[in-house]
Amino acid sequence: MRKFIIHCLFFALFCFNAILCYSGSSIQSSSKYASIVLNADTGEVMYSKNAHHKRYPASLTKMMTLYLAFEALQKKKLNLGQSVTVSQKAASMPKSNIALKVGQKITIRQAVYALIVKSANDAAVVLSEATAGNEAKFVALMNKKAKELNMHNTNFQNSHGWHNDRQYTTAHDLSLLASALRKDFPNYYHLFAMKSFMYKGKRIEGHNRVLSRYKWADGLKTGYVAASGFNLATSTKRPEGKLIAIVMGGQTAKARDDHMIHLLNSVYSKIQPNKRHKKQHIIAKKRQYIFMYATNSHKKTSSAKIKATRRNK
């Protein structure tokens, strides 16, 4: 019996991995592909493929830019209502951007929103300059923080993610950064769930479709340059637990998003509900039983009254 159970467990594990490989066979065949899924509460790796292989981060770089900006806000070195002047370097940044002009004023709040929702390169430079004085000093802070977060296979060259051969990371390192953002900045982390924001009287829409497609997703970031493929960091919150997931190297945004959702669902299917969730499930079942019992009792009582009334007539 014991051998039979062990064989069943191995078979189930084989099937789980086979499903993952089959569902993502196209995206996983790319030389740019890498992925990882972490239990956000425990740090346990739930799934991993090429997670320690060096990849180009593209706009996932902005997660570190935001980490340092949030840190400056938390330490009162910046404040969200503070206005800063757009520099020549910031105004010259290519798309994606919000078309900032030299000398224009923008608040830190607007820059943060533009970075999260629009992945605006010009806003990234604005934040880097506001935080450190210039982007070169900011990049030094980025690499210092990466070491502090144990991102040992990461090197930054800019604050926005525009391609640079010497700017690289891994899916594993990015999962550490995503986890740190969630843990270290509870007062700001909810901003990663934003799908749009108002700027100059216009609504600026984001392009993180997973936030709309996967109801348990509660934040994080997209990224793309030709050298990296389509990248995505996603965090989720379900009764079974919280996850952090990274997918890198998608051939299209949709393929990347589809694969991310499949990975999340597959991992959640393996997670045993925690005690609190089990208790809530039991309570819900009891309430359902009590409701059904009360309803049936009411029906029987009503039926008996009707019969008695008919007899009296």
C-alpha atoms as a PDB file:
ATOM      1  CA  MET A   1       0.000   0.000   0.000  1.00  0.00           C
ATOM      2  CA  ARG A   2       2.828   2.385   0.921  1.00  0.00           C
ATOM      3  CA  LYS A   3       4.628   1.733  -2.386  1.00  0.00           C
ATOM      4  CA  PHE A   4       1.368   2.331  -4.252  1.00  0.00           C
ATOM      5  CA  ILE A   5       0.904   5.732  -2.559  1.00  0.00           C
ATOM      6  CA  ILE A   6       4.514   6.731  -3.350  1.00  0.00           C
ATOM      7  CA  HIS A   7       4.042   5.746  -6.997  1.00  0.00           C
ATOM      8  CA  CYS A   8       0.830   7.780  -7.131  1.00  0.00           C
ATOM      9  CA  LEU A   9       2.581  10.827  -5.721  1.00  0.00           C
ATOM     10  CA  PHE A  10       5.416  10.564  -8.262  1.00  0.00           C
ATOM     11  CA  PHE A  11       2.880  10.139 -11.052  1.00  0.00           C
ATOM     12  CA  ALA A  12       0.942  13.218  -9.893  1.00  0.00           C
ATOM     13  CA  LEU A  13       4.146  15.269  -9.795  1.00  0.00           C
ATOM     14  CA  PHE A  14       5.090  14.043 -13.275  1.00  0.00           C
ATOM     15  CA  CYS A  15       1.664  14.992 -14.616  1.00  0.00           C
ATOM     16  CA  PHE A  16       1.872  18.460 -13.027  1.00  0.00           C
ATOM     17  CA  ASN A  17       5.228  19.181 -14.652  1.00  0.00           C
ATOM     18  CA  ALA A  18       4.068  17.718 -17.958  1.00  0.00           C
ATOM     19  CA  ILE A  19       1.031  20.024 -17.965  1.00  0.00           C
ATOM     20  CA  LEU A  20       3.258  23.025 -17.292  1.00  0.00           C
ATOM     21  CA  CYS A  21       5.653  22.087 -20.067  1.00  0.00           C
ATOM     22  CA  TYR A  22       2.877  21.374 -22.568  1.00  0.00           C
ATOM     23  CA  SER A  23       0.939  24.571 -21.836  1.00  0.00           C
ATOM     24  CA  GLY A  24       4.024  26.739 -22.140  1.00  0.00           C
ATOM     25  CA  SER A  25       5.955  24.722 -24.710  1.00  0.00           C
ATOM     26  CA  SER A  26       6.035  27.599 -27.198  1.00  0.00           C
ATOM     27  CA  ILE A  27       7.161  30.339 -24.828  1.00  0.00           C
ATOM     28  CA  GLN A  28       9.515  27.972 -22.982  1.00  0.00           C
ATOM     29  CA  SER A  29      11.300  27.056 -26.204  1.00  0.00           C
ATOM     30  CA  SER A  30      12.584  30.621 -26.514  1.00  0.00           C
ATOM     31  CA  SER A  31      16.237  31.160 -25.597  1.00  0.00           C
ATOM     32  CA  LYS A  32      15.103  34.264 -23.685  1.00  0.00           C
ATOM     33  CA  TYR A  33      12.647  32.369 -21.473  1.00  0.00           C
ATOM     34  CA  ALA A  34      12.919  32.174 -17.697  1.00  0.00           C
ATOM     35  CA  SER A  35      10.349  31.927 -14.919  1.00  0.00           C
ATOM     36  CA  ILE A  36       9.884  31.446 -11.210  1.00  0.00           C
ATOM     37  CA  VAL A  37       6.982  31.319  -8.769  1.00  0.00           C
ATOM     38  CA  LEU A  38       7.533  31.975  -5.059  1.00  0.00           C
ATOM     39  CA  ASN A  39       5.353  31.584  -2.025  1.00  0.00           C
ATOM     40  CA  ALA A  40       5.410  35.233  -0.927  1.00  0.00           C
ATOM     41  CA  ASP A  41       4.896  34.346   2.742  1.00  0.00           C
ATOM     42  CA  THR A  42       7.598  31.698   3.093  1.00  0.00           C
ATOM     43  CA  GLY A  43       9.939  32.355   0.169  1.00  0.00           C
ATOM     44  CA  GLU A  44       9.541  28.734  -0.956  1.00  0.00           C
ATOM     45  CA  VAL A  45      10.159  28.216  -4.685  1.00  0.00           C
ATOM     46  CA  MET A  46       7.007  26.626  -6.092  1.00  0.00           C
ATOM     47  CA  TYR A  47       8.150  26.479  -9.714  1.00  0.00           C
ATOM     48  CA  SER A  48      11.348  27.444 -11.515  1.00  0.00           C
ATOM     49  CA  LYS A  49      12.834  27.213 -15.000  1.00  0.00           C
ATOM     50  CA  ASN A  50      16.036  28.975 -16.062  1.00  0.00           C
ATOM     51  CA  ALA A  51      15.507  31.184 -13.030  1.00  0.00           C
ATOM     52  CA  HIS A  52      19.228  31.727 -12.412  1.00  0.00           C
ATOM     53  CA  HIS A  53      20.117  32.346 -16.069  1.00  0.00           C
ATOM     54  CA  LYS A  54      21.001  35.937 -16.923  1.00  0.00           C
ATOM     55  CA  ARG A  55      18.330  37.851 -18.813  1.00  0.00           C
ATOM     56  CA  TYR A  56      17.664  41.463 -19.813  1.00  0.00           C
ATOM     57  CA  PRO A  57      15.143  43.081 -17.436  1.00  0.00           C
ATOM     58  CA  ALA A  58      13.710  45.750 -19.791  1.00  0.00           C
ATOM     59  CA  SER A  59      11.196  47.846 -17.841  1.00  0.00           C
ATOM     60  CA  LEU A  60      11.205  45.462 -14.881  1.00  0.00           C
ATOM     61  CA  THR A  61      14.236  47.631 -14.058  1.00  0.00           C
ATOM     62  CA  LYS A  62      11.707  50.215 -12.903  1.00  0.00           C
ATOM     63  CA  MET A  63      10.823  47.997  -9.945  1.00  0.00           C
ATOM     64  CA  MET A  64      14.187  48.941  -8.445  1.00  0.00           C
ATOM     65  CA  THR A  65      13.672  52.603  -9.388  1.00  0.00           C
ATOM     66  CA  LEU A  66      10.381  52.500  -7.499  1.00  0.00           C
ATOM     67  CA  TYR A  67      11.952  50.655  -4.560  1.00  0.00           C
ATOM     68  CA  LEU A  68      14.466  53.491  -4.078  1.00  0.00           C
ATOM     69  CA  ALA A  69      11.791  56.152  -4.613  1.00  0.00           C
ATOM     70  CA  PHE A  70       9.538  54.521  -1.996  1.00  0.00           C
ATOM     71  CA  GLU A  71      12.490  54.290   0.359  1.00  0.00           C
ATOM     72  CA  ALA A  72      13.165  58.033  -0.091  1.00  0.00           C
ATOM     73  CA  LEU A  73       9.478  58.765   0.530  1.00  0.00           C
ATOM     74  CA  GLN A  74       9.492  56.590   3.647  1.00  0.00           C
ATOM     75  CA  LYS A  75      12.563  58.429   4.967  1.00  0.00           C
ATOM     76  CA  LYS A  76      10.928  61.825   4.193  1.00  0.00           C
ATOM     77  CA  LYS A  77      13.639  62.705   1.659  1.00  0.00           C
ATOM     78  CA  LEU A  78      10.846  63.044  -0.910  1.00  0.00           C
ATOM     79  CA  ASN A  79       7.120  63.626  -0.604  1.00  0.00           C
ATOM     80  CA  LEU A  80       4.379  62.765  -3.081  1.00  0.00           C
ATOM     81  CA  GLY A  81       3.173  66.346  -3.429  1.00  0.00           C
ATOM     82  CA  GLN A  82       6.657  67.686  -4.145  1.00  0.00           C
ATOM     83  CA  SER A  83       7.148  69.307  -7.587  1.00  0.00           C
ATOM     84  CA  VAL A  84      10.347  68.736  -9.528  1.00  0.00           C
ATOM     85  CA  THR A  85      11.645  70.244 -12.776  1.00  0.00           C
ATOM     86  CA  VAL A  86      12.031  68.035 -15.853  1.00  0.00           C
ATOM     87  CA  SER A  87      15.628  67.930 -17.097  1.00  0.00           C
ATOM     88  CA  GLN A  88      16.891  67.725 -20.665  1.00  0.00           C
ATOM     89  CA  LYS A  89      17.834  64.080 -20.134  1.00  0.00           C
ATOM     90  CA  ALA A  90      14.383  63.155 -18.812  1.00  0.00           C
ATOM     91  CA  ALA A  91      12.614  64.987 -21.647  1.00  0.00           C
ATOM     92  CA  SER A  92      14.747  63.200 -24.269  1.00  0.00           C
ATOM     93  CA  MET A  93      13.744  59.683 -23.218  1.00  0.00           C
ATOM     94  CA  PRO A  94      12.061  57.572 -25.930  1.00  0.00           C
ATOM     95  CA  LYS A  95       8.728  55.832 -25.554  1.00  0.00           C
ATOM     96  CA  SER A  96       7.132  54.606 -23.512  1.00  0.00           C
ATOM     97  CA  ASN A  97       6.780  58.083 -21.984  1.00  0.00           C
ATOM     98  CA  ILE A  98       4.298  60.788 -21.011  1.00  0.00           C
ATOM     99  CA  ALA A  99       5.917  63.405 -23.305  1.00  0.00           C
ATOM    100  CA  LEU A 100       7.518  65.518 -20.598  1.00  0.00           C
ATOM    101  CA  LYS A 101       9.088  68.817 -21.737  1.00  0.00           C
ATOM    102  CA  VAL A 102      12.288  70.464 -20.513  1.00  0.00           C
ATOM    103  CA  GLY A 103      11.556  72.816 -17.624  1.00  0.00           C
ATOM    104  CA  GLN A 104       8.114  71.383 -17.018  1.00  0.00           C
ATOM    105  CA  LYS A 105       7.008  70.751 -13.431  1.00  0.00           C
ATOM    106  CA  ILE A 106       5.746  67.351 -12.343  1.00  0.00           C
ATOM    107  CA  THR A 107       4.957  66.002  -8.899  1.00  0.00           C
ATOM    108  CA  ILE A 108       6.589  62.926  -7.424  1.00  0.00           C
ATOM    109  CA  ARG A 109       3.102  61.390  -7.222  1.00  0.00           C
ATOM    110  CA  GLN A 110       2.554  61.879 -10.962  1.00  0.00           C
ATOM    111  CA  ALA A 111       5.993  60.430 -11.741  1.00  0.00           C
ATOM    112  CA  VAL A 112       5.322  57.352  -9.586  1.00  0.00           C
ATOM    113  CA  TYR A 113       1.916  56.813 -11.226  1.00  0.00           C
ATOM    114  CA  ALA A 114       3.439  57.238 -14.706  1.00  0.00           C
ATOM    115  CA  LEU A 115       6.147  54.715 -13.892  1.00  0.00           C
ATOM    116  CA  ILE A 116       3.750  52.073 -12.576  1.00  0.00           C
ATOM    117  CA  VAL A 117       0.920  52.453 -15.094  1.00  0.00           C
ATOM    118  CA  LYS A 118       2.550  53.740 -18.293  1.00  0.00           C
ATOM    119  CA  SER A 119       6.109  52.481 -17.658  1.00  0.00           C
ATOM    120  CA  ALA A 120       7.217  55.975 -18.632  1.00  0.00           C
ATOM    121  CA  ASN A 121      10.954  56.263 -19.256  1.00  0.00           C
ATOM    122  CA  ASP A 122      10.950  60.036 -18.806  1.00  0.00           C
ATOM    123  CA  ALA A 123       9.273  59.683 -15.399  1.00  0.00           C
ATOM    124  CA  ALA A 124      11.920  57.115 -14.387  1.00  0.00           C
ATOM    125  CA  VAL A 125      14.702  59.631 -15.015  1.00  0.00           C
ATOM    126  CA  VAL A 126      12.741  62.318 -13.131  1.00  0.00           C
ATOM    127  CA  LEU A 127      12.506  60.047 -10.078  1.00  0.00           C
ATOM    128  CA  SER A 128      16.154  59.023 -10.283  1.00  0.00           C
ATOM    129  CA  GLU A 129      17.289  62.654 -10.408  1.00  0.00           C
ATOM    130  CA  ALA A 130      14.940  63.710  -7.620  1.00  0.00           C
ATOM    131  CA  THR A 131      16.215  60.882  -5.421  1.00  0.00           C
ATOM    132  CA  ALA A 132      19.966  61.019  -6.044  1.00  0.00           C
ATOM    133  CA  GLY A 133      20.708  64.281  -7.880  1.00  0.00           C
ATOM    134  CA  ASN A 134      21.545  62.604 -11.195  1.00  0.00           C
ATOM    135  CA  GLU A 135      20.981  59.236 -12.839  1.00  0.00           C
ATOM    136  CA  ALA A 136      24.602  58.075 -12.517  1.00  0.00           C
ATOM    137  CA  LYS A 137      24.470  58.396  -8.728  1.00  0.00           C
ATOM    138  CA  PHE A 138      21.055  56.744  -8.733  1.00  0.00           C
ATOM    139  CA  VAL A 139      22.377  53.738 -10.679  1.00  0.00           C
ATOM    140  CA  ALA A 140      25.069  53.312  -8.028  1.00  0.00           C
ATOM    141  CA  LEU A 141      22.300  53.219  -5.407  1.00  0.00           C
ATOM    142  CA  MET A 142      20.406  50.661  -7.500  1.00  0.00           C
ATOM    143  CA  ASN A 143      23.391  48.298  -7.579  1.00  0.00           C
ATOM    144  CA  LYS A 144      24.086  48.812  -3.884  1.00  0.00           C
ATOM    145  CA  LYS A 145      20.478  47.958  -3.029  1.00  0.00           C
ATOM    146  CA  ALA A 146      20.583  44.924  -5.326  1.00  0.00           C
ATOM    147  CA  LYS A 147      23.478  43.533  -3.283  1.00  0.00           C
ATOM    148  CA  GLU A 148      21.595  44.222  -0.029  1.00  0.00           C
ATOM    149  CA  LEU A 149      18.622  42.270  -1.382  1.00  0.00           C
ATOM    150  CA  ASN A 150      20.894  39.334  -2.377  1.00  0.00           C
ATOM    151  CA  MET A 151      20.342  39.974  -6.086  1.00  0.00           C
ATOM    152  CA  HIS A 152      23.781  38.561  -6.851  1.00  0.00           C
ATOM    153  CA  ASN A 153      23.305  38.144 -10.605  1.00  0.00           C
ATOM    154  CA  THR A 154      21.993  41.625 -11.317  1.00  0.00           C
ATOM    155  CA  ASN A 155      23.679  44.717 -12.680  1.00  0.00           C
ATOM    156  CA  PHE A 156      21.982  48.019 -13.495  1.00  0.00           C
ATOM    157  CA  GLN A 157      23.163  50.650 -15.965  1.00  0.00           C
ATOM    158  CA  ASN A 158      20.101  52.931 -16.031  1.00  0.00           C
ATOM    159  CA  SER A 159      16.878  53.656 -14.157  1.00  0.00           C
ATOM    160  CA  HIS A 160      14.394  52.922 -16.945  1.00  0.00           C
ATOM    161  CA  GLY A 161      15.349  49.602 -18.555  1.00  0.00           C
ATOM    162  CA  TRP A 162      16.226  50.832 -22.043  1.00  0.00           C
ATOM    163  CA  HIS A 163      18.479  48.119 -23.433  1.00  0.00           C
ATOM    164  CA  ASN A 164      22.118  48.000 -22.393  1.00  0.00           C
ATOM    165  CA  ASP A 165      24.204  44.840 -22.835  1.00  0.00           C
ATOM    166  CA  ARG A 166      25.679  45.341 -19.368  1.00  0.00           C
ATOM    167  CA  GLN A 167      22.274  45.612 -17.706  1.00  0.00           C
ATOM    168  CA  TYR A 168      21.126  42.141 -16.726  1.00  0.00           C
ATOM    169  CA  THR A 169      19.316  40.186 -14.034  1.00  0.00           C
ATOM    170  CA  THR A 170      17.641  36.814 -13.425  1.00  0.00           C
ATOM    171  CA  ALA A 171      14.066  35.741 -12.778  1.00  0.00           C
ATOM    172  CA  HIS A 172      15.186  34.663  -9.303  1.00  0.00           C
ATOM    173  CA  ASP A 173      16.698  38.072  -8.511  1.00  0.00           C
ATOM    174  CA  LEU A 174      13.585  39.873  -9.734  1.00  0.00           C
ATOM    175  CA  SER A 175      11.410  37.685  -7.509  1.00  0.00           C
ATOM    176  CA  LEU A 176      13.504  38.813  -4.529  1.00  0.00           C
ATOM    177  CA  LEU A 177      12.993  42.441  -5.545  1.00  0.00           C
ATOM    178  CA  ALA A 178       9.243  41.966  -5.993  1.00  0.00           C
ATOM    179  CA  SER A 179       9.005  40.280  -2.584  1.00  0.00           C
ATOM    180  CA  ALA A 180      10.963  43.129  -0.984  1.00  0.00           C
ATOM    181  CA  LEU A 181       8.667  45.738  -2.532  1.00  0.00           C
ATOM    182  CA  ARG A 182       5.644  43.980  -1.081  1.00  0.00           C
ATOM    183  CA  LYS A 183       7.181  43.451   2.351  1.00  0.00           C
ATOM    184  CA  ASP A 184       9.033  46.744   2.816  1.00  0.00           C
ATOM    185  CA  PHE A 185       6.446  49.207   1.510  1.00  0.00           C
ATOM    186  CA  PRO A 186       2.921  48.205   2.585  1.00  0.00           C
ATOM    187  CA  ASN A 187       1.857  51.870   2.418  1.00  0.00           C
ATOM    188  CA  TYR A 188       2.785  52.134  -1.259  1.00  0.00           C
ATOM    189  CA  TYR A 189       2.504  48.603  -2.615  1.00  0.00           C
ATOM    190  CA  HIS A 190      -1.213  48.952  -3.441  1.00  0.00           C
ATOM    191  CA  LEU A 191      -0.214  51.435  -6.168  1.00  0.00           C
ATOM    192  CA  PHE A 192       1.037  48.514  -8.279  1.00  0.00           C
ATOM    193  CA  ALA A 193      -2.603  47.489  -8.782  1.00  0.00           C
ATOM    194  CA  MET A 194      -3.368  50.734 -10.647  1.00  0.00           C
ATOM    195  CA  LYS A 195      -4.694  50.236 -14.181  1.00  0.00           C
ATOM    196  CA  SER A 196      -4.917  53.927 -15.108  1.00  0.00           C
ATOM    197  CA  PHE A 197      -4.376  57.443 -13.773  1.00  0.00           C
ATOM    198  CA  MET A 198      -5.345  60.997 -14.633  1.00  0.00           C
ATOM    199  CA  TYR A 199      -2.677  63.308 -16.074  1.00  0.00           C
ATOM    200  CA  LYS A 200      -3.334  66.773 -17.502  1.00  0.00           C
ATOM    201  CA  GLY A 201      -7.050  66.051 -17.653  1.00  0.00           C
ATOM    202  CA  LYS A 202      -6.620  62.825 -19.606  1.00  0.00           C
ATOM    203  CA  ARG A 203      -6.886  59.243 -18.442  1.00  0.00           C
ATOM    204  CA  ILE A 204      -3.665  57.348 -19.091  1.00  0.00           C
ATOM    205  CA  GLU A 205      -4.315  53.604 -19.482  1.00  0.00           C
ATOM    206  CA  GLY A 206      -1.808  50.924 -18.540  1.00  0.00           C
ATOM    207  CA  HIS A 207      -0.917  47.745 -20.403  1.00  0.00           C
ATOM    208  CA  ASN A 208      -0.706  45.182 -17.589  1.00  0.00           C
ATOM    209  CA  ARG A 209      -3.588  43.018 -18.826  1.00  0.00           C
ATOM    210  CA  VAL A 210      -3.075  40.357 -16.156  1.00  0.00           C
ATOM    211  CA  LEU A 211      -4.439  42.800 -13.562  1.00  0.00           C
ATOM    212  CA  SER A 212      -7.762  42.646 -15.411  1.00  0.00           C
ATOM    213  CA  ARG A 213      -7.648  39.042 -16.574  1.00  0.00           C
ATOM    214  CA  TYR A 214      -6.659  37.398 -13.278  1.00  0.00           C
ATOM    215  CA  LYS A 215      -8.870  38.526 -10.418  1.00  0.00           C
ATOM    216  CA  TRP A 216      -6.354  37.471  -7.740  1.00  0.00           C
ATOM    217  CA  ALA A 217      -3.559  39.623  -9.182  1.00  0.00           C
ATOM    218  CA  ASP A 218      -2.783  42.604  -6.956  1.00  0.00           C
ATOM    219  CA  GLY A 219       0.102  44.261  -8.717  1.00  0.00           C
ATOM    220  CA  LEU A 220       3.530  44.699 -10.274  1.00  0.00           C
ATOM    221  CA  LYS A 221       5.027  45.349 -13.672  1.00  0.00           C
ATOM    222  CA  THR A 222       5.413  44.644 -17.386  1.00  0.00           C
ATOM    223  CA  GLY A 223       8.532  45.086 -19.503  1.00  0.00           C
ATOM    224  CA  TYR A 224       9.672  44.768 -23.101  1.00  0.00           C
ATOM    225  CA  VAL A 225      12.601  45.474 -25.382  1.00  0.00           C
ATOM    226  CA  ALA A 226      13.467  43.400 -28.443  1.00  0.00           C
ATOM    227  CA  ALA A 227      16.523  41.892 -26.732  1.00  0.00           C
ATOM    228  CA  SER A 228      14.534  40.675 -23.713  1.00  0.00           C
ATOM    229  CA  GLY A 229      11.194  39.650 -25.145  1.00  0.00           C
ATOM    230  CA  PHE A 230       8.030  40.289 -23.138  1.00  0.00           C
ATOM    231  CA  ASN A 231       8.618  40.235 -19.375  1.00  0.00           C
ATOM    232  CA  LEU A 232       6.147  40.301 -16.500  1.00  0.00           C
ATOM    233  CA  ALA A 233       6.221  40.364 -12.717  1.00  0.00           C
ATOM    234  CA  THR A 234       2.946  39.507 -10.976  1.00  0.00           C
ATOM    235  CA  SER A 235       1.885  39.252  -7.362  1.00  0.00           C
ATOM    236  CA  THR A 236      -1.289  37.549  -6.216  1.00  0.00           C
ATOM    237  CA  LYS A 237      -3.381  37.194  -3.108  1.00  0.00           C
ATOM    238  CA  ARG A 238      -5.745  34.260  -2.646  1.00  0.00           C
ATOM    239  CA  PRO A 239      -7.115  32.495   0.447  1.00  0.00           C
ATOM    240  CA  GLU A 240      -4.603  29.697  -0.174  1.00  0.00           C
ATOM    241  CA  GLY A 241      -1.694  32.130   0.039  1.00  0.00           C
ATOM    242  CA  LYS A 242       0.249  34.888  -1.708  1.00  0.00           C
ATOM    243  CA  LEU A 243       2.500  34.316  -4.706  1.00  0.00           C
ATOM    244  CA  ILE A 244       5.194  36.260  -6.538  1.00  0.00           C
ATOM    245  CA  ALA A 245       5.785  35.192 -10.149  1.00  0.00           C
ATOM    246  CA  ILE A 246       8.208  36.273 -12.868  1.00  0.00           C
ATOM    247  CA  VAL A 247       7.959  35.365 -16.563  1.00  0.00           C
ATOM    248  CA  MET A 248      10.650  36.539 -18.989  1.00  0.00           C
ATOM    249  CA  GLY A 249      11.176  36.182 -22.726  1.00  0.00           C
ATOM    250  CA  GLY A 250       7.655  35.903 -24.096  1.00  0.00           C
ATOM    251  CA  GLN A 251       7.308  36.152 -27.880  1.00  0.00           C
ATOM    252  CA  THR A 252       4.167  38.291 -27.507  1.00  0.00           C
ATOM    253  CA  ALA A 253       2.453  40.083 -24.639  1.00  0.00           C
ATOM    254  CA  LYS A 254      -0.522  37.714 -24.861  1.00  0.00           C
ATOM    255  CA  ALA A 255       1.648  34.578 -24.838  1.00  0.00           C
ATOM    256  CA  ARG A 256       3.471  35.916 -21.776  1.00  0.00           C
ATOM    257  CA  ASP A 257       0.207  36.773 -20.005  1.00  0.00           C
ATOM    258  CA  ASP A 258      -1.397  33.417 -20.853  1.00  0.00           C
ATOM    259  CA  HIS A 259       1.652  31.597 -19.542  1.00  0.00           C
ATOM    260  CA  MET A 260       1.720  33.661 -16.343  1.00  0.00           C
ATOM    261  CA  ILE A 261      -1.928  32.888 -15.604  1.00  0.00           C
ATOM    262  CA  HIS A 262      -1.388  29.195 -16.287  1.00  0.00           C
ATOM    263  CA  LEU A 263       1.652  29.063 -14.001  1.00  0.00           C
ATOM    264  CA  LEU A 264      -0.273  30.771 -11.194  1.00  0.00           C
ATOM    265  CA  ASN A 265      -3.280  28.466 -11.516  1.00  0.00           C
ATOM    266  CA  SER A 266      -1.067  25.380 -11.682  1.00  0.00           C
ATOM    267  CA  VAL A 267       0.885  26.345  -8.564  1.00  0.00           C
ATOM    268  CA  TYR A 268      -2.265  27.238  -6.639  1.00  0.00           C
ATOM    269  CA  SER A 269      -3.711  23.831  -7.509  1.00  0.00           C
ATOM    270  CA  LYS A 270      -0.827  22.268  -5.517  1.00  0.00           C
ATOM    271  CA  ILE A 271      -1.132  24.489  -2.443  1.00  0.00           C
ATOM    272  CA  GLN A 272      -3.029  23.039   0.477  1.00  0.00           C
ATOM    273  CA  PRO A 273      -5.484  25.536   1.978  1.00  0.00           C
ATOM    274  CA  ASN A 274      -4.104  27.047   5.177  1.00  0.00           C
ATOM    275  CA  LYS A 275      -5.807  26.412   8.516  1.00  0.00           C
ATOM    276  CA  ARG A 276      -7.628  29.734   8.452  1.00  0.00           C
ATOM    277  CA  HIS A 277      -8.971  29.031   4.975  1.00  0.00           C
ATOM    278  CA  LYS A 278     -10.046  25.531   6.054  1.00  0.00           C
ATOM    279  CA  LYS A 279     -11.819  26.971   9.095  1.00  0.00           C
ATOM    280  CA  GLN A 280     -13.594  29.553   6.943  1.00  0.00           C
ATOM    281  CA  HIS A 281     -14.615  26.784   4.537  1.00  0.00           C
ATOM    282  CA  ILE A 282     -16.031  24.675   7.404  1.00  0.00           C
ATOM    283  CA  ILE A 283     -17.928  27.677   8.815  1.00  0.00           C
ATOM    284  CA  ALA A 284     -19.349  28.442   5.366  1.00  0.00           C
ATOM    285  CA  LYS A 285     -20.477  24.811   4.989  1.00  0.00           C
ATOM    286  CA  LYS A 286     -22.133  24.902   8.434  1.00  0.00           C
ATOM    287  CA  ARG A 287     -23.937  28.130   7.570  1.00  0.00           C
ATOM    288  CA  GLN A 288     -25.079  26.616   4.302  1.00  0.00           C
ATOM    289  CA  TYR A 289     -26.373  23.534   6.167  1.00  0.00           C
ATOM    290  CA  ILE A 290     -28.176  25.674   8.777  1.00  0.00           C
ATOM    291  CA  PHE A 291     -29.737  27.780   6.025  1.00  0.00           C
ATOM    292  CA  MET A 292     -30.903  24.688   4.125  1.00  0.00           C
ATOM    293  CA  TYR A 293     -32.248  23.131   7.338  1.00  0.00           C
ATOM    294  CA  ALA A 294     -34.111  26.314   8.258  1.00  0.00           C
ATOM    295  CA  THR A 295     -35.508  26.635   4.746  1.00  0.00           C
ATOM    296  CA  ASN A 296     -36.704  23.020   4.697  1.00  0.00           C
ATOM    297  CA  SER A 297     -38.221  23.381   8.172  1.00  0.00           C
ATOM    298  CA  HIS A 298     -40.015  26.535   7.058  1.00  0.00           C
ATOM    299  CA  LYS A 299     -41.352  24.751   3.986  1.00  0.00           C
ATOM    300  CA  LYS A 300     -42.605  21.808   6.101  1.00  0.00           C
ATOM    301  CA  THR A 301     -44.270  24.157   8.612  1.00  0.00           C
ATOM    302  CA  SER A 302     -45.929  26.166   5.836  1.00  0.00           C
ATOM    303  CA  SER A 303     -47.130  22.963   4.163  1.00  0.00           C
ATOM    304  CA  ALA A 304     -48.602  21.681   7.441  1.00  0.00           C
ATOM    305  CA  LYS A 305     -50.432  24.976   8.013  1.00  0.00           C
ATOM    306  CA  ILE A 306     -51.904  24.877   4.517  1.00  0.00           C
ATOM    307  CA  LYS A 307     -53.147  21.309   5.041  1.00  0.00           C
ATOM    308  CA  ALA A 308     -54.650  22.204   8.429  1.00  0.00           C
ATOM    309  CA  THR A 309     -56.445  25.220   6.892  1.00  0.00           C
ATOM    310  CA  ARG A 310     -57.882  23.049   4.143  1.00  0.00           C
ATOM    311  CA  ARG A 311     -59.170  20.538   6.724  1.00  0.00           C
ATOM    312  CA  ASN A 312     -60.854  23.286   8.741  1.00  0.00           C
ATOM    313  CA  LYS A 313     -62.667  24.501   5.637  1.00  0.00           C
END
